[in-house]
Amino acid sequence: MNSKVYIFLSIATYVRLPYYLRHISILLLKNVIICHVFKFDRSLFVILCD
């Protein structure tokens, strides 16, 4: 019983993992783009990139 639950959870995790990774990478990419766009404003740059 425990092994079946463990296998099910591991499969569910592996299925969801790419979605989480894609979401995180999109957030990081947005943050980098925003930082480059607002680089001229040092205070805003510090707030966004800290």
C-alpha atoms as a PDB file:
ATOM      1  CA  MET A   1       0.000   0.000   0.000  1.00  0.00           C
ATOM      2  CA  ASN A   2       2.713   2.480   0.970  1.00  0.00           C
ATOM      3  CA  SER A   3       4.769   1.672  -2.113  1.00  0.00           C
ATOM      4  CA  LYS A   4       1.774   2.293  -4.385  1.00  0.00           C
ATOM      5  CA  VAL A   5       1.132   5.667  -2.736  1.00  0.00           C
ATOM      6  CA  TYR A   6       4.821   6.558  -3.041  1.00  0.00           C
ATOM      7  CA  ILE A   7       4.873   5.645  -6.741  1.00  0.00           C
ATOM      8  CA  PHE A   8       1.699   7.653  -7.359  1.00  0.00           C
ATOM      9  CA  LEU A   9       3.132  10.710  -5.577  1.00  0.00           C
ATOM     10  CA  SER A  10       6.426  10.474  -7.440  1.00  0.00           C
ATOM     11  CA  ILE A  11       4.608  10.249 -10.795  1.00  0.00           C
ATOM     12  CA  ALA A  12       2.410  13.230  -9.854  1.00  0.00           C
ATOM     13  CA  THR A  13       5.512  15.193  -8.863  1.00  0.00           C
ATOM     14  CA  TYR A  14       7.319  14.371 -12.111  1.00  0.00           C
ATOM     15  CA  VAL A  15       4.243  15.400 -14.109  1.00  0.00           C
ATOM     16  CA  ARG A  16       3.909  18.723 -12.295  1.00  0.00           C
ATOM     17  CA  LEU A  17       7.630  19.522 -12.138  1.00  0.00           C
ATOM     18  CA  PRO A  18       7.979  20.823 -15.740  1.00  0.00           C
ATOM     19  CA  TYR A  19       5.086  23.222 -15.183  1.00  0.00           C
ATOM     20  CA  TYR A  20       6.695  24.589 -12.015  1.00  0.00           C
ATOM     21  CA  LEU A  21      10.086  24.900 -13.719  1.00  0.00           C
ATOM     22  CA  ARG A  22       8.556  26.701 -16.685  1.00  0.00           C
ATOM     23  CA  HIS A  23       6.659  29.054 -14.367  1.00  0.00           C
ATOM     24  CA  ILE A  24       9.817  29.826 -12.349  1.00  0.00           C
ATOM     25  CA  SER A  25      11.907  30.368 -15.486  1.00  0.00           C
ATOM     26  CA  ILE A  26       9.268  32.745 -16.900  1.00  0.00           C
ATOM     27  CA  LEU A  27       9.258  34.710 -13.635  1.00  0.00           C
ATOM     28  CA  LEU A  28      13.062  34.935 -13.656  1.00  0.00           C
ATOM     29  CA  LEU A  29      13.074  36.007 -17.299  1.00  0.00           C
ATOM     30  CA  LYS A  30      10.510  38.736 -16.602  1.00  0.00           C
ATOM     31  CA  ASN A  31      12.564  39.930 -13.631  1.00  0.00           C
ATOM     32  CA  VAL A  32      15.742  40.108 -15.732  1.00  0.00           C
ATOM     33  CA  ILE A  33      13.958  42.003 -18.530  1.00  0.00           C
ATOM     34  CA  ILE A  34      12.435  44.455 -16.040  1.00  0.00           C
ATOM     35  CA  CYS A  35      15.840  44.999 -14.431  1.00  0.00           C
ATOM     36  CA  HIS A  36      17.440  45.771 -17.803  1.00  0.00           C
ATOM     37  CA  VAL A  37      14.605  48.103 -18.825  1.00  0.00           C
ATOM     38  CA  PHE A  38      14.729  50.100 -15.579  1.00  0.00           C
ATOM     39  CA  LYS A  39      18.507  50.060 -15.163  1.00  0.00           C
ATOM     40  CA  PHE A  40      18.686  53.840 -15.524  1.00  0.00           C
ATOM     41  CA  ASP A  41      16.663  54.227 -12.319  1.00  0.00           C
ATOM     42  CA  ARG A  42      18.984  52.897  -9.624  1.00  0.00           C
ATOM     43  CA  SER A  43      16.436  52.845  -6.799  1.00  0.00           C
ATOM     44  CA  LEU A  44      13.895  50.945  -8.903  1.00  0.00           C
ATOM     45  CA  PHE A  45      16.656  48.598 -10.071  1.00  0.00           C
ATOM     46  CA  VAL A  46      17.580  47.820  -6.466  1.00  0.00           C
ATOM     47  CA  ILE A  47      13.944  47.235  -5.467  1.00  0.00           C
ATOM     48  CA  LEU A  48      13.245  44.875  -8.388  1.00  0.00           C
ATOM     49  CA  CYS A  49      16.499  42.924  -8.334  1.00  0.00           C
ATOM     50  CA  ASP A  50      17.203  42.582  -4.628  1.00  0.00           C
END
